[in-house]
Amino acid sequence: LSGDNYKERTSLWVDKYKLGNILWVSYPLIYQDNLKEVVSEIKKRDLYLFDLWGYIPGSGPGGYWQQFVIPDGVLDLFKNELGERWLGMDNGEQDGRYVGSFAPRMYPMGSDRKQQYFNFQRHFQEMGNQLGNKLATLVSLNFGHYFLKEGIYTLIGAETAQGLPNSQIYYSFIRGAGKQYGVHWFGNASVWNRWGWKNYDPKTISYAENDYNAGNPLKGTSLSLLKRLMYTHLFYDCVAVGFEGSMEIDEKRLSPIGKIQQEAVKWSEKYQDPGTMYTPVAFMTDFFSGWSFPRHLYSGDAYKVWGNLPYEKSDYLTDNMLNIIYPGYQDASYYHDERGFITPTPFGDMVDCLMSDAPLWVLKQYPLLVITDELQSNIEVKDKLNAYVQNGGHLVITSGSLKNLPDGIAGIQVKGEVNVSSSIVYGGETIKENDSFVLSELELPQKATVIQTCGDVPAIVEITEGAGKVTVIASPFGVSEHPQCPLPVKIKEDQPLDKPYPMLKHVQAYMEDLFSTHTLFETDPNLSLVTCVKSANEYSVLITNSSWNPCTFDIRSKIGEISSIEELKINHDEMKAVGYTPKVVSVSPGKNTSTIIAGGGTRAFRIKIK
């Protein structure tokens, strides 16, 4: 929208290219002499103006990235002329910047998690004041709940790909926050990665090998990953999706990236809304937890919460639970072959992440609620969980949280702890753990059912209460008692992240069995599967292959006989373009057939059940 040719450029992108109807513009727009004319054109075209980006708190004058000041009258102009089509200034990647730049400087360093939250909240309250307190947020970590709680956000999304974490977990937190606070979410995929950016414009192409700012068709995010991210975001109930740039070869031709977005517009117009994403499972952490990904772009340290406190065992439980649903998610951005951004989903992509302040009406939306953290002592939370169970929910909680609930839950209380041997009996089979571990001694009502035992000690118990059920895992946090490896000193590229406190095998076995009961459709467990519900017997399914090898697949129903499967055909022209795979990938991705999905491929289907 810069310069005098803003009408021509807008017409090119909106009318000729047909890329969408939302303008995502950087902050220099607010300083343009012709701003009123530009806003008038946006209004006339009935477009949205969204997320003016580029604000960097703490930046001095000079350079592009600044802690800029909005001129008087600009926000009033947007509000008065565009109304609800003005979607606010950008809180963009700022949770990551906070963790990387501000959290390590907070004093005192060892403040507890509640104080860490207040440090975080004060930082963003000041930023919101400076930007007018009407914002959209593009998170770069998973702190969206804390933003939306303030009531000043129009949209929430994530910067995916780049040097950033796994997209599936990003959106599990985003969906949970959006549902709780009534805020829609959007999808975004970046053309950058840790080693450069995808670029097809001959005026700016650079083939410098070790320059992060160099961009060419072989650098940055692969076309395959960009496309997989866009379509998963469409199936995630995003109200808008798009790429951050590199969509033109020149001012007259779209790049392969631009064509992927153009084809997604056509696909959406043809097939319409895929339905409501099926997420029957909620993971809950304590509100003050501050949990974040074990490794990420904004820190050289692994396993930190709030950016400056080390993981405790309860935080390793969150990591391990997420890893059951999204195995290998910790690898995102650290491998040149792009593993980890979208992982296989052996039970389907079906989890939303909540915090302990979520109201009961939100909890009731989920048949299964798993406490993946240590809940702090709180009578309100206890009453809410009891009501959730009474109304038909299935609550899974470890003894480390149960002991903090006054008088326990459903008549089950923690009496003490016992050291036990390394073998558990489950379903007539013996599970041998790698090390001895601790189980809490539970006080059980007579109607409780013991699911797993360690000698005479119950390891997992279930009890029916009201219309629902409670499962108590006797291990305090479901992880090993002693570290199984040293804490990583240095995070390395193209290598897995060591896990000091892995999940106990008996806990993982039970959770895998439980998650499988909530799966509607199955395919090869090495693929990712998203299910959307259209009606009682009609569903949309998205299958993606994040391996670079072709994979055989079929679709199996667990909820009734399939009467028909229709492929919602997605254009695959990008497979012929330079940059479809990362530079390090040399294998052939193969071709899509009725029984094979190509390497790096994504396919959608409409399924009807008899």
Foldseek 3Di string as FASTA:
>chain_A
DDDDCLVVLCCCVCPVLVLDQEDEEADCLLVGPCNLVNLVVNLVVLGAYAAHDQEDPPDDDDDRRYNDARDPPSVVSCCVRNPPSHQFYEPEQVLLVCLQPPLVVDPPLPDDLVVLLVVVLVVVVVVCVRRVLAYEYAHQWQPVLSVLVVVRGQEYEYEAAAQGFARLQSLLSVVQSCVQRVHAYEAEYEQHAPQAGAAQAVVQADPDGRDNDHYYLQHGDFPLVLLVRQVVRLLQRHPYYAYDDRQANDSPGGDSRSVSSSLVSVLCVVPPRQFHWAAQEEEEEAPSFQAIQQDGDSDQFGAAGSSRHHHDLLSLLVVQVVCLQFPPRSQARQELQRPNNGFFGQLASHYHYYYLVRALVSLLSHQEYEHSGAYAQDAVSQVSVQVSFLVAHEYEYELLNQQSYVCGHPNKHFDAKDWAAQWKAAPNDIDGWPGIAMFTQMDDDPQKAQGMDGVPGRQWIKHRDNNGIYIYGRGSRQWGPFFPDDRDPGDHGPDDHDRRIHGTPVVSVVVVVVSNVSGFKGKPSRWHKIWHDPDPFKIKIKIWHQAQAKDFMDMGGPPAAWPDKDWSDGDDVSLPPRRNGHPVDDDHQDDDDPGIAGGSGMTMMMIGHD
